[in-house]
Amino acid sequence: MGWLMAMFDLPVTTEQERKAAARFRHDLLDHGFLMIQYSVYARPCVSFEQLHKHLRAIEKLVPPAGNVRLLFITDEQWAKSVTVIGPNYKQGKRAIEPKAPKQIEFWD
């Protein structure tokens, strides 16, 4: 069990680039990712097969001018991470301490 983390920089200077960036973020959510920060999303993966499936899917979703770094970390490493939030930070829809869903799909 581990987490696939997607960290990205996407250009948003034109209307077309903004739409592509929004579509990419929505596609990540559709693939089961959780928004950790504005350009950092993570998804639990229960097997290396599932990890590779999502890696291949993201490769097809990246906008032409996008820069995406994908990182796999074990559940134990994820549990050791620390979140520090300032007193005036607006959390919005970002997960504070995302945990694996209660029911994880072993086959998809």
Protein backbone atom coordinates (compact mmCIF):
# COMPACT_ATOMS: atom_id res chain seq x y z
CA MET A 1 0.00 0.00 0.00
CA GLY A 2 1.27 3.42 -0.85
CA TRP A 3 0.46 6.82 -2.31
CA LEU A 4 0.98 8.16 -5.80
CA MET A 5 1.64 11.89 -5.58
CA ALA A 6 1.30 14.22 -8.56
CA MET A 7 3.01 17.61 -8.31
CA PHE A 8 2.69 19.91 -11.28
CA ASP A 9 3.24 23.28 -12.91
CA LEU A 10 0.78 24.14 -15.65
CA PRO A 11 0.76 27.38 -17.63
CA VAL A 12 -2.36 29.51 -17.14
CA THR A 13 -1.63 32.69 -19.07
CA THR A 14 -4.18 32.13 -21.84
CA GLU A 15 -7.82 31.07 -21.70
CA GLN A 16 -6.94 27.82 -23.47
CA GLU A 17 -4.16 27.06 -20.94
CA ARG A 18 -6.50 27.79 -17.99
CA LYS A 19 -9.09 25.40 -19.41
CA ALA A 20 -6.45 22.71 -19.94
CA ALA A 21 -5.17 23.15 -16.37
CA ALA A 22 -8.70 22.96 -14.93
CA ARG A 23 -9.44 19.87 -17.02
CA PHE A 24 -6.23 18.20 -15.76
CA ARG A 25 -7.14 18.89 -12.11
CA HIS A 26 -10.66 17.53 -12.65
CA ASP A 27 -9.24 14.46 -14.39
CA LEU A 28 -7.01 13.79 -11.38
CA LEU A 29 -10.06 13.96 -9.10
CA ASP A 30 -11.91 11.59 -11.45
CA HIS A 31 -8.99 9.15 -11.10
CA GLY A 32 -9.36 9.12 -7.31
CA PHE A 33 -6.75 11.72 -6.40
CA LEU A 34 -7.23 14.04 -3.41
CA MET A 35 -6.13 17.68 -3.55
CA ILE A 36 -3.37 18.15 -0.96
CA GLN A 37 -2.32 21.65 -2.11
CA TYR A 38 -3.15 23.67 -5.22
CA SER A 39 -0.72 21.78 -7.45
CA VAL A 40 -0.20 18.67 -5.34
CA TYR A 41 -2.60 15.74 -5.51
CA ALA A 42 -2.26 12.23 -4.06
CA ARG A 43 -4.01 8.92 -4.48
CA PRO A 44 -3.77 5.68 -2.50
CA CYS A 45 -2.62 2.65 -4.49
CA VAL A 46 -2.89 -0.89 -3.12
CA SER A 47 -0.63 -2.55 -5.68
CA PHE A 48 2.11 -1.79 -8.16
CA GLU A 49 -0.27 -2.78 -10.95
CA GLN A 50 -2.69 -0.07 -9.83
CA LEU A 51 0.20 2.39 -9.52
CA HIS A 52 1.31 1.71 -13.12
CA LYS A 53 -2.25 1.95 -14.39
CA HIS A 54 -2.58 5.47 -12.95
CA LEU A 55 0.89 6.48 -14.14
CA ARG A 56 -0.08 5.56 -17.71
CA ALA A 57 -3.39 7.42 -17.39
CA ILE A 58 -1.70 10.60 -16.15
CA GLU A 59 0.85 10.48 -18.97
CA LYS A 60 -2.08 10.76 -21.39
CA LEU A 61 -3.78 13.59 -19.44
CA VAL A 62 -0.87 16.04 -19.10
CA PRO A 63 -1.44 19.25 -21.08
CA PRO A 64 1.14 19.86 -23.85
CA ALA A 65 2.96 22.61 -21.90
CA GLY A 66 2.56 20.88 -18.51
CA ASN A 67 5.31 19.73 -16.15
CA VAL A 68 4.21 16.88 -13.86
CA ARG A 69 6.35 14.98 -11.36
CA LEU A 70 4.94 11.70 -10.06
CA LEU A 71 6.25 10.21 -6.84
CA PHE A 72 5.30 6.96 -5.11
CA ILE A 73 5.71 6.78 -1.35
CA THR A 74 4.84 3.95 0.97
CA ASP A 75 1.99 4.19 3.44
CA GLU A 76 4.57 4.21 6.25
CA GLN A 77 6.40 7.17 4.71
CA TRP A 78 3.08 8.97 4.18
CA ALA A 79 2.18 8.44 7.86
CA LYS A 80 5.47 10.10 8.89
CA SER A 81 4.72 13.28 6.95
CA VAL A 82 3.94 16.42 8.92
CA THR A 83 1.50 19.15 7.95
CA VAL A 84 2.13 22.63 9.35
CA ILE A 85 -0.68 25.12 8.79
CA GLY A 86 -0.52 28.80 9.70
CA PRO A 87 -3.33 30.30 11.81
CA ASN A 88 -4.75 32.38 8.92
CA TYR A 89 -4.51 29.71 6.20
CA LYS A 90 -7.73 29.12 4.26
CA GLN A 91 -7.96 25.32 3.86
CA GLY A 92 -10.74 25.25 1.27
CA LYS A 93 -11.20 21.82 -0.33
CA ARG A 94 -7.67 20.62 0.39
CA ALA A 95 -7.29 17.60 2.65
CA ILE A 96 -5.53 18.31 5.96
CA GLU A 97 -4.54 14.74 6.79
CA PRO A 98 -5.75 12.56 3.90
CA LYS A 99 -6.12 8.92 4.76
CA ALA A 100 -6.80 5.93 2.54
CA PRO A 101 -10.51 5.52 1.89
CA LYS A 102 -12.29 2.99 4.13
CA GLN A 103 -12.91 0.78 1.11
CA ILE A 104 -10.04 0.52 -1.35
CA GLU A 105 -10.54 -1.02 -4.77
CA PHE A 106 -8.18 -3.91 -5.36
CA TRP A 107 -9.31 -4.26 -8.97
CA ASP A 108 -10.30 -1.44 -11.27
